[in-house]
Amino acid sequence: EIMNLGLSSETVSGLSEEGHAGGKFPRPDLHERLDRVLAK
């Protein structure tokens, strides 16, 4: 059972440049969702 949960724009470092996506949102941080993903 292979589960691909790749997420566009994401980093493992938690970093995001100023004005990412035209200032609409910062880059997602893997660690914001990692606990939920592992639990599910």
ModelCIF file with pLDDT and N, C-alpha, C, O atoms, coordinates in Angstrom:
data_MODEL
#
_entry.id   MODEL 
#
_entity.id                         1 
_entity.type                       polymer 
_entity.pdbx_number_of_molecules   1 
#
_entity_poly.entity_id                      1 
_entity_poly.type                           'polypeptide(L)' 
_entity_poly.nstd_linkage                   no 
_entity_poly.nstd_monomer                   no 
_entity_poly.pdbx_seq_one_letter_code       EIMNLGLSSETVSGLSEEGHAGGKFPRPDLHERLDRVLAK 
_entity_poly.pdbx_seq_one_letter_code_can   EIMNLGLSSETVSGLSEEGHAGGKFPRPDLHERLDRVLAK 
_entity_poly.pdbx_strand_id                 A 
#
loop_
_entity_poly_seq.entity_id 
_entity_poly_seq.num 
_entity_poly_seq.mon_id 
_entity_poly_seq.hetero 
1 1  GLU n 
1 2  ILE n 
1 3  MET n 
1 4  ASN n 
1 5  LEU n 
1 6  GLY n 
1 7  LEU n 
1 8  SER n 
1 9  SER n 
1 10 GLU n 
1 11 THR n 
1 12 VAL n 
1 13 SER n 
1 14 GLY n 
1 15 LEU n 
1 16 SER n 
1 17 GLU n 
1 18 GLU n 
1 19 GLY n 
1 20 HIS n 
1 21 ALA n 
1 22 GLY n 
1 23 GLY n 
1 24 LYS n 
1 25 PHE n 
1 26 PRO n 
1 27 ARG n 
1 28 PRO n 
1 29 ASP n 
1 30 LEU n 
1 31 HIS n 
1 32 GLU n 
1 33 ARG n 
1 34 LEU n 
1 35 ASP n 
1 36 ARG n 
1 37 VAL n 
1 38 LEU n 
1 39 ALA n 
1 40 LYS n 
#
_struct_asym.id          A 
_struct_asym.entity_id   1 
#
loop_
_ma_qa_metric.id 
_ma_qa_metric.mode 
_ma_qa_metric.name 
_ma_qa_metric.software_group_id 
_ma_qa_metric.type 
1 global pLDDT . pLDDT 
2 local  pLDDT . pLDDT 
#
_ma_qa_metric_global.metric_id      1 
_ma_qa_metric_global.metric_value   96.92 
_ma_qa_metric_global.model_id       1 
_ma_qa_metric_global.ordinal_id     1 
#
loop_
_ma_qa_metric_local.label_asym_id 
_ma_qa_metric_local.label_comp_id 
_ma_qa_metric_local.label_seq_id 
_ma_qa_metric_local.metric_id 
_ma_qa_metric_local.metric_value 
_ma_qa_metric_local.model_id 
_ma_qa_metric_local.ordinal_id 
A GLU 1  2 97.00 1 1  
A ILE 2  2 98.00 1 2  
A MET 3  2 98.00 1 3  
A ASN 4  2 98.00 1 4  
A LEU 5  2 98.00 1 5  
A GLY 6  2 98.00 1 6  
A LEU 7  2 98.00 1 7  
A SER 8  2 98.00 1 8  
A SER 9  2 98.00 1 9  
A GLU 10 2 98.00 1 10 
A THR 11 2 98.00 1 11 
A VAL 12 2 98.00 1 12 
A SER 13 2 98.00 1 13 
A GLY 14 2 98.00 1 14 
A LEU 15 2 98.00 1 15 
A SER 16 2 97.00 1 16 
A GLU 17 2 94.00 1 17 
A GLU 18 2 90.00 1 18 
A GLY 19 2 91.00 1 19 
A HIS 20 2 95.00 1 20 
A ALA 21 2 94.00 1 21 
A GLY 22 2 93.00 1 22 
A GLY 23 2 93.00 1 23 
A LYS 24 2 95.00 1 24 
A PHE 25 2 97.00 1 25 
A PRO 26 2 97.00 1 26 
A ARG 27 2 98.00 1 27 
A PRO 28 2 98.00 1 28 
A ASP 29 2 98.00 1 29 
A LEU 30 2 98.00 1 30 
A HIS 31 2 98.00 1 31 
A GLU 32 2 98.00 1 32 
A ARG 33 2 98.00 1 33 
A LEU 34 2 98.00 1 34 
A ASP 35 2 98.00 1 35 
A ARG 36 2 98.00 1 36 
A VAL 37 2 98.00 1 37 
A LEU 38 2 98.00 1 38 
A ALA 39 2 98.00 1 39 
A LYS 40 2 98.00 1 40 
#
loop_
_atom_site.group_PDB 
_atom_site.id 
_atom_site.type_symbol 
_atom_site.label_atom_id 
_atom_site.label_alt_id 
_atom_site.label_comp_id 
_atom_site.label_asym_id 
_atom_site.label_entity_id 
_atom_site.label_seq_id 
_atom_site.pdbx_PDB_ins_code 
_atom_site.Cartn_x 
_atom_site.Cartn_y 
_atom_site.Cartn_z 
_atom_site.occupancy 
_atom_site.B_iso_or_equiv 
_atom_site.pdbx_formal_charge 
_atom_site.auth_seq_id 
_atom_site.auth_comp_id 
_atom_site.auth_asym_id 
_atom_site.auth_atom_id 
_atom_site.pdbx_PDB_model_num 
ATOM 1   N N  . GLU A 1 1  ? 0.862  -1.177 0.000  1.00 97.00 ? 1  GLU A N  1 
ATOM 2   C CA . GLU A 1 1  ? 0.000  0.000  0.000  1.00 97.00 ? 1  GLU A CA 1 
ATOM 3   C C  . GLU A 1 1  ? 0.900  1.229  0.000  1.00 97.00 ? 1  GLU A C  1 
ATOM 4   O O  . GLU A 1 1  ? 1.477  1.593  1.024  1.00 97.00 ? 1  GLU A O  1 
ATOM 5   N N  . ILE A 1 2  ? 1.009  1.862  -1.167 1.00 98.00 ? 2  ILE A N  1 
ATOM 6   C CA . ILE A 1 2  ? 1.890  3.017  -1.322 1.00 98.00 ? 2  ILE A CA 1 
ATOM 7   C C  . ILE A 1 2  ? 1.042  4.279  -1.285 1.00 98.00 ? 2  ILE A C  1 
ATOM 8   O O  . ILE A 1 2  ? 0.114  4.445  -2.076 1.00 98.00 ? 2  ILE A O  1 
ATOM 9   N N  . MET A 1 3  ? 1.376  5.159  -0.360 1.00 98.00 ? 3  MET A N  1 
ATOM 10  C CA . MET A 1 3  ? 0.588  6.372  -0.134 1.00 98.00 ? 3  MET A CA 1 
ATOM 11  C C  . MET A 1 3  ? 1.460  7.591  -0.435 1.00 98.00 ? 3  MET A C  1 
ATOM 12  O O  . MET A 1 3  ? 2.366  7.910  0.335  1.00 98.00 ? 3  MET A O  1 
ATOM 13  N N  . ASN A 1 4  ? 1.195  8.261  -1.533 1.00 98.00 ? 4  ASN A N  1 
ATOM 14  C CA . ASN A 1 4  ? 1.947  9.457  -1.913 1.00 98.00 ? 4  ASN A CA 1 
ATOM 15  C C  . ASN A 1 4  ? 1.269  10.682 -1.315 1.00 98.00 ? 4  ASN A C  1 
ATOM 16  O O  . ASN A 1 4  ? 0.170  11.055 -1.725 1.00 98.00 ? 4  ASN A O  1 
ATOM 17  N N  . LEU A 1 5  ? 1.931  11.305 -0.344 1.00 98.00 ? 5  LEU A N  1 
ATOM 18  C CA . LEU A 1 5  ? 1.394  12.513 0.280  1.00 98.00 ? 5  LEU A CA 1 
ATOM 19  C C  . LEU A 1 5  ? 2.303  13.712 0.041  1.00 98.00 ? 5  LEU A C  1 
ATOM 20  O O  . LEU A 1 5  ? 2.408  14.606 0.882  1.00 98.00 ? 5  LEU A O  1 
ATOM 21  N N  . GLY A 1 6  ? 2.963  13.717 -1.128 1.00 98.00 ? 6  GLY A N  1 
ATOM 22  C CA . GLY A 1 6  ? 3.752  14.893 -1.490 1.00 98.00 ? 6  GLY A CA 1 
ATOM 23  C C  . GLY A 1 6  ? 2.867  16.129 -1.554 1.00 98.00 ? 6  GLY A C  1 
ATOM 24  O O  . GLY A 1 6  ? 1.717  16.042 -1.983 1.00 98.00 ? 6  GLY A O  1 
ATOM 25  N N  . LEU A 1 7  ? 3.390  17.283 -1.130 1.00 98.00 ? 7  LEU A N  1 
ATOM 26  C CA . LEU A 1 7  ? 2.617  18.520 -1.074 1.00 98.00 ? 7  LEU A CA 1 
ATOM 27  C C  . LEU A 1 7  ? 3.414  19.650 -1.716 1.00 98.00 ? 7  LEU A C  1 
ATOM 28  O O  . LEU A 1 7  ? 4.549  19.923 -1.325 1.00 98.00 ? 7  LEU A O  1 
ATOM 29  N N  . SER A 1 8  ? 2.819  20.292 -2.689 1.00 98.00 ? 8  SER A N  1 
ATOM 30  C CA . SER A 1 8  ? 3.501  21.363 -3.421 1.00 98.00 ? 8  SER A CA 1 
ATOM 31  C C  . SER A 1 8  ? 3.964  22.466 -2.476 1.00 98.00 ? 8  SER A C  1 
ATOM 32  O O  . SER A 1 8  ? 3.278  22.805 -1.511 1.00 98.00 ? 8  SER A O  1 
ATOM 33  N N  . SER A 1 9  ? 5.136  23.020 -2.766 1.00 98.00 ? 9  SER A N  1 
ATOM 34  C CA . SER A 1 9  ? 5.749  24.162 -2.052 1.00 98.00 ? 9  SER A CA 1 
ATOM 35  C C  . SER A 1 9  ? 6.369  23.777 -0.723 1.00 98.00 ? 9  SER A C  1 
ATOM 36  O O  . SER A 1 9  ? 7.036  24.609 -0.107 1.00 98.00 ? 9  SER A O  1 
ATOM 37  N N  . GLU A 1 10 ? 6.178  22.553 -0.253 1.00 98.00 ? 10 GLU A N  1 
ATOM 38  C CA . GLU A 1 10 ? 6.544  22.194 1.119  1.00 98.00 ? 10 GLU A CA 1 
ATOM 39  C C  . GLU A 1 10 ? 8.052  22.128 1.320  1.00 98.00 ? 10 GLU A C  1 
ATOM 40  O O  . GLU A 1 10 ? 8.810  21.885 0.382  1.00 98.00 ? 10 GLU A O  1 
ATOM 41  N N  . THR A 1 11 ? 8.475  22.352 2.583  1.00 98.00 ? 11 THR A N  1 
ATOM 42  C CA . THR A 1 11 ? 9.862  22.171 2.995  1.00 98.00 ? 11 THR A CA 1 
ATOM 43  C C  . THR A 1 11 ? 9.904  21.312 4.236  1.00 98.00 ? 11 THR A C  1 
ATOM 44  O O  . THR A 1 11 ? 8.919  21.210 4.967  1.00 98.00 ? 11 THR A O  1 
ATOM 45  N N  . VAL A 1 12 ? 11.064 20.684 4.476  1.00 98.00 ? 12 VAL A N  1 
ATOM 46  C CA . VAL A 1 12 ? 11.315 19.998 5.739  1.00 98.00 ? 12 VAL A CA 1 
ATOM 47  C C  . VAL A 1 12 ? 12.024 20.927 6.704  1.00 98.00 ? 12 VAL A C  1 
ATOM 48  O O  . VAL A 1 12 ? 12.084 20.669 7.906  1.00 98.00 ? 12 VAL A O  1 
ATOM 49  N N  . SER A 1 13 ? 12.569 22.029 6.156  1.00 98.00 ? 13 SER A N  1 
ATOM 50  C CA . SER A 1 13 ? 13.339 22.986 6.965  1.00 98.00 ? 13 SER A CA 1 
ATOM 51  C C  . SER A 1 13 ? 12.454 23.983 7.696  1.00 98.00 ? 13 SER A C  1 
ATOM 52  O O  . SER A 1 13 ? 12.893 24.600 8.666  1.00 98.00 ? 13 SER A O  1 
ATOM 53  N N  . GLY A 1 14 ? 11.218 24.150 7.247  1.00 98.00 ? 14 GLY A N  1 
ATOM 54  C CA . GLY A 1 14 ? 10.333 25.143 7.832  1.00 98.00 ? 14 GLY A CA 1 
ATOM 55  C C  . GLY A 1 14 ? 10.567 26.551 7.315  1.00 98.00 ? 14 GLY A C  1 
ATOM 56  O O  . GLY A 1 14 ? 9.952  27.498 7.806  1.00 98.00 ? 14 GLY A O  1 
ATOM 57  N N  . LEU A 1 15 ? 11.443 26.707 6.332  1.00 98.00 ? 15 LEU A N  1 
ATOM 58  C CA . LEU A 1 15 ? 11.772 28.030 5.801  1.00 98.00 ? 15 LEU A CA 1 
ATOM 59  C C  . LEU A 1 15 ? 10.815 28.436 4.688  1.00 98.00 ? 15 LEU A C  1 
ATOM 60  O O  . LEU A 1 15 ? 10.241 27.585 4.008  1.00 98.00 ? 15 LEU A O  1 
ATOM 61  N N  . SER A 1 16 ? 10.651 29.735 4.511  1.00 97.00 ? 16 SER A N  1 
ATOM 62  C CA . SER A 1 16 ? 9.870  30.275 3.396  1.00 97.00 ? 16 SER A CA 1 
ATOM 63  C C  . SER A 1 16 ? 10.387 31.665 3.075  1.00 97.00 ? 16 SER A C  1 
ATOM 64  O O  . SER A 1 16 ? 10.623 32.468 3.978  1.00 97.00 ? 16 SER A O  1 
ATOM 65  N N  . GLU A 1 17 ? 10.561 31.948 1.806  1.00 94.00 ? 17 GLU A N  1 
ATOM 66  C CA . GLU A 1 17 ? 11.017 33.269 1.381  1.00 94.00 ? 17 GLU A CA 1 
ATOM 67  C C  . GLU A 1 17 ? 9.901  34.292 1.510  1.00 94.00 ? 17 GLU A C  1 
ATOM 68  O O  . GLU A 1 17 ? 8.719  33.949 1.477  1.00 94.00 ? 17 GLU A O  1 
ATOM 69  N N  . GLU A 1 18 ? 10.291 35.553 1.658  1.00 90.00 ? 18 GLU A N  1 
ATOM 70  C CA . GLU A 1 18 ? 9.314  36.633 1.688  1.00 90.00 ? 18 GLU A CA 1 
ATOM 71  C C  . GLU A 1 18 ? 8.548  36.680 0.367  1.00 90.00 ? 18 GLU A C  1 
ATOM 72  O O  . GLU A 1 18 ? 9.134  36.544 -0.706 1.00 90.00 ? 18 GLU A O  1 
ATOM 73  N N  . GLY A 1 19 ? 7.250  36.873 0.458  1.00 91.00 ? 19 GLY A N  1 
ATOM 74  C CA . GLY A 1 19 ? 6.458  37.023 -0.761 1.00 91.00 ? 19 GLY A CA 1 
ATOM 75  C C  . GLY A 1 19 ? 6.243  35.742 -1.529 1.00 91.00 ? 19 GLY A C  1 
ATOM 76  O O  . GLY A 1 19 ? 5.942  35.781 -2.722 1.00 91.00 ? 19 GLY A O  1 
ATOM 77  N N  . HIS A 1 20 ? 6.394  34.595 -0.865 1.00 95.00 ? 20 HIS A N  1 
ATOM 78  C CA . HIS A 1 20 ? 6.150  33.332 -1.573 1.00 95.00 ? 20 HIS A CA 1 
ATOM 79  C C  . HIS A 1 20 ? 4.734  33.306 -2.135 1.00 95.00 ? 20 HIS A C  1 
ATOM 80  O O  . HIS A 1 20 ? 3.792  33.763 -1.488 1.00 95.00 ? 20 HIS A O  1 
ATOM 81  N N  . ALA A 1 21 ? 4.594  32.777 -3.322 1.00 94.00 ? 21 ALA A N  1 
ATOM 82  C CA . ALA A 1 21 ? 3.287  32.682 -4.001 1.00 94.00 ? 21 ALA A CA 1 
ATOM 83  C C  . ALA A 1 21 ? 2.632  34.052 -4.114 1.00 94.00 ? 21 ALA A C  1 
ATOM 84  O O  . ALA A 1 21 ? 1.425  34.199 -3.917 1.00 94.00 ? 21 ALA A O  1 
ATOM 85  N N  . GLY A 1 22 ? 3.450  35.055 -4.434 1.00 93.00 ? 22 GLY A N  1 
ATOM 86  C CA . GLY A 1 22 ? 2.907  36.406 -4.571 1.00 93.00 ? 22 GLY A CA 1 
ATOM 87  C C  . GLY A 1 22 ? 2.388  36.966 -3.261 1.00 93.00 ? 22 GLY A C  1 
ATOM 88  O O  . GLY A 1 22 ? 1.528  37.847 -3.257 1.00 93.00 ? 22 GLY A O  1 
ATOM 89  N N  . GLY A 1 23 ? 2.906  36.459 -2.144 1.00 93.00 ? 23 GLY A N  1 
ATOM 90  C CA . GLY A 1 23 ? 2.473  36.925 -0.830 1.00 93.00 ? 23 GLY A CA 1 
ATOM 91  C C  . GLY A 1 23 ? 1.192  36.292 -0.332 1.00 93.00 ? 23 GLY A C  1 
ATOM 92  O O  . GLY A 1 23 ? 0.672  36.691 0.710  1.00 93.00 ? 23 GLY A O  1 
ATOM 93  N N  . LYS A 1 24 ? 0.666  35.297 -1.066 1.00 95.00 ? 24 LYS A N  1 
ATOM 94  C CA . LYS A 1 24 ? -0.622 34.694 -0.681 1.00 95.00 ? 24 LYS A CA 1 
ATOM 95  C C  . LYS A 1 24 ? -0.505 33.763 0.525  1.00 95.00 ? 24 LYS A C  1 
ATOM 96  O O  . LYS A 1 24 ? -1.407 33.704 1.360  1.00 95.00 ? 24 LYS A O  1 
ATOM 97  N N  . PHE A 1 25 ? 0.612  33.036 0.610  1.00 97.00 ? 25 PHE A N  1 
ATOM 98  C CA . PHE A 1 25 ? 0.794  32.125 1.740  1.00 97.00 ? 25 PHE A CA 1 
ATOM 99  C C  . PHE A 1 25 ? 2.266  31.719 1.811  1.00 97.00 ? 25 PHE A C  1 
ATOM 100 O O  . PHE A 1 25 ? 2.947  31.661 0.787  1.00 97.00 ? 25 PHE A O  1 
ATOM 101 N N  . PRO A 1 26 ? 2.758  31.438 3.027  1.00 97.00 ? 26 PRO A N  1 
ATOM 102 C CA . PRO A 1 26 ? 4.133  30.950 3.152  1.00 97.00 ? 26 PRO A CA 1 
ATOM 103 C C  . PRO A 1 26 ? 4.219  29.483 2.720  1.00 97.00 ? 26 PRO A C  1 
ATOM 104 O O  . PRO A 1 26 ? 3.204  28.802 2.570  1.00 97.00 ? 26 PRO A O  1 
ATOM 105 N N  . ARG A 1 27 ? 5.426  29.028 2.529  1.00 98.00 ? 27 ARG A N  1 
ATOM 106 C CA . ARG A 1 27 ? 5.592  27.620 2.181  1.00 98.00 ? 27 ARG A CA 1 
ATOM 107 C C  . ARG A 1 27 ? 5.093  26.728 3.324  1.00 98.00 ? 27 ARG A C  1 
ATOM 108 O O  . ARG A 1 27 ? 5.358  27.012 4.493  1.00 98.00 ? 27 ARG A O  1 
ATOM 109 N N  . PRO A 1 28 ? 4.381  25.664 2.993  1.00 98.00 ? 28 PRO A N  1 
ATOM 110 C CA . PRO A 1 28 ? 3.981  24.726 4.044  1.00 98.00 ? 28 PRO A CA 1 
ATOM 111 C C  . PRO A 1 28 ? 5.209  24.081 4.690  1.00 98.00 ? 28 PRO A C  1 
ATOM 112 O O  . PRO A 1 28 ? 6.200  23.796 4.018  1.00 98.00 ? 28 PRO A O  1 
ATOM 113 N N  . ASP A 1 29 ? 5.128  23.861 5.978  1.00 98.00 ? 29 ASP A N  1 
ATOM 114 C CA . ASP A 1 29 ? 6.176  23.184 6.743  1.00 98.00 ? 29 ASP A CA 1 
ATOM 115 C C  . ASP A 1 29 ? 5.719  21.748 6.991  1.00 98.00 ? 29 ASP A C  1 
ATOM 116 O O  . ASP A 1 29 ? 4.651  21.535 7.565  1.00 98.00 ? 29 ASP A O  1 
ATOM 117 N N  . LEU A 1 30 ? 6.496  20.778 6.576  1.00 98.00 ? 30 LEU A N  1 
ATOM 118 C CA . LEU A 1 30 ? 6.135  19.375 6.771  1.00 98.00 ? 30 LEU A CA 1 
ATOM 119 C C  . LEU A 1 30 ? 5.741  19.099 8.216  1.00 98.00 ? 30 LEU A C  1 
ATOM 120 O O  . LEU A 1 30 ? 4.824  18.322 8.480  1.00 98.00 ? 30 LEU A O  1 
ATOM 121 N N  . HIS A 1 31 ? 6.437  19.740 9.148  1.00 98.00 ? 31 HIS A N  1 
ATOM 122 C CA . HIS A 1 31 ? 6.225  19.391 10.558 1.00 98.00 ? 31 HIS A CA 1 
ATOM 123 C C  . HIS A 1 31 ? 4.888  19.893 11.096 1.00 98.00 ? 31 HIS A C  1 
ATOM 124 O O  . HIS A 1 31 ? 4.451  19.468 12.165 1.00 98.00 ? 31 HIS A O  1 
ATOM 125 N N  . GLU A 1 32 ? 4.232  20.803 10.354 1.00 98.00 ? 32 GLU A N  1 
ATOM 126 C CA . GLU A 1 32 ? 2.893  21.219 10.758 1.00 98.00 ? 32 GLU A CA 1 
ATOM 127 C C  . GLU A 1 32 ? 1.899  20.065 10.621 1.00 98.00 ? 32 GLU A C  1 
ATOM 128 O O  . GLU A 1 32 ? 0.939  19.978 11.388 1.00 98.00 ? 32 GLU A O  1 
ATOM 129 N N  . ARG A 1 33 ? 2.126  19.177 9.642  1.00 98.00 ? 33 ARG A N  1 
ATOM 130 C CA . ARG A 1 33 ? 1.155  18.106 9.374  1.00 98.00 ? 33 ARG A CA 1 
ATOM 131 C C  . ARG A 1 33 ? 1.692  16.710 9.662  1.00 98.00 ? 33 ARG A C  1 
ATOM 132 O O  . ARG A 1 33 ? 0.941  15.736 9.601  1.00 98.00 ? 33 ARG A O  1 
ATOM 133 N N  . LEU A 1 34 ? 2.967  16.602 9.973  1.00 98.00 ? 34 LEU A N  1 
ATOM 134 C CA . LEU A 1 34 ? 3.596  15.286 10.033 1.00 98.00 ? 34 LEU A CA 1 
ATOM 135 C C  . LEU A 1 34 ? 2.946  14.364 11.059 1.00 98.00 ? 34 LEU A C  1 
ATOM 136 O O  . LEU A 1 34 ? 2.718  13.190 10.766 1.00 98.00 ? 34 LEU A O  1 
ATOM 137 N N  . ASP A 1 35 ? 2.642  14.870 12.257 1.00 98.00 ? 35 ASP A N  1 
ATOM 138 C CA . ASP A 1 35 ? 2.020  14.010 13.269 1.00 98.00 ? 35 ASP A CA 1 
ATOM 139 C C  . ASP A 1 35 ? 0.679  13.456 12.785 1.00 98.00 ? 35 ASP A C  1 
ATOM 140 O O  . ASP A 1 35 ? 0.367  12.284 12.998 1.00 98.00 ? 35 ASP A O  1 
ATOM 141 N N  . ARG A 1 36 ? -0.114 14.317 12.128 1.00 98.00 ? 36 ARG A N  1 
ATOM 142 C CA . ARG A 1 36 ? -1.417 13.848 11.626 1.00 98.00 ? 36 ARG A CA 1 
ATOM 143 C C  . ARG A 1 36 ? -1.231 12.796 10.540 1.00 98.00 ? 36 ARG A C  1 
ATOM 144 O O  . ARG A 1 36 ? -1.944 11.793 10.508 1.00 98.00 ? 36 ARG A O  1 
ATOM 145 N N  . VAL A 1 37 ? -0.276 13.031 9.659  1.00 98.00 ? 37 VAL A N  1 
ATOM 146 C CA . VAL A 1 37 ? -0.045 12.106 8.550  1.00 98.00 ? 37 VAL A CA 1 
ATOM 147 C C  . VAL A 1 37 ? 0.405  10.747 9.081  1.00 98.00 ? 37 VAL A C  1 
ATOM 148 O O  . VAL A 1 37 ? -0.097 9.716  8.634  1.00 98.00 ? 37 VAL A O  1 
ATOM 149 N N  . LEU A 1 38 ? 1.343  10.731 10.024 1.00 98.00 ? 38 LEU A N  1 
ATOM 150 C CA . LEU A 1 38 ? 1.827  9.462  10.559 1.00 98.00 ? 38 LEU A CA 1 
ATOM 151 C C  . LEU A 1 38 ? 0.724  8.728  11.311 1.00 98.00 ? 38 LEU A C  1 
ATOM 152 O O  . LEU A 1 38 ? 0.613  7.505  11.224 1.00 98.00 ? 38 LEU A O  1 
ATOM 153 N N  . ALA A 1 39 ? -0.091 9.478  12.049 1.00 98.00 ? 39 ALA A N  1 
ATOM 154 C CA . ALA A 1 39 ? -1.172 8.841  12.808 1.00 98.00 ? 39 ALA A CA 1 
ATOM 155 C C  . ALA A 1 39 ? -2.213 8.227  11.887 1.00 98.00 ? 39 ALA A C  1 
ATOM 156 O O  . ALA A 1 39 ? -2.723 7.141  12.162 1.00 98.00 ? 39 ALA A O  1 
ATOM 157 N N  . LYS A 1 40 ? -2.531 8.906  10.807 1.00 98.00 ? 40 LYS A N  1 
ATOM 158 C CA . LYS A 1 40 ? -3.562 8.420  9.888  1.00 98.00 ? 40 LYS A CA 1 
ATOM 159 C C  . LYS A 1 40 ? -3.067 7.283  8.997  1.00 98.00 ? 40 LYS A C  1 
ATOM 160 O O  . LYS A 1 40 ? -3.823 6.771  8.172  1.00 98.00 ? 40 LYS A O  1 
#
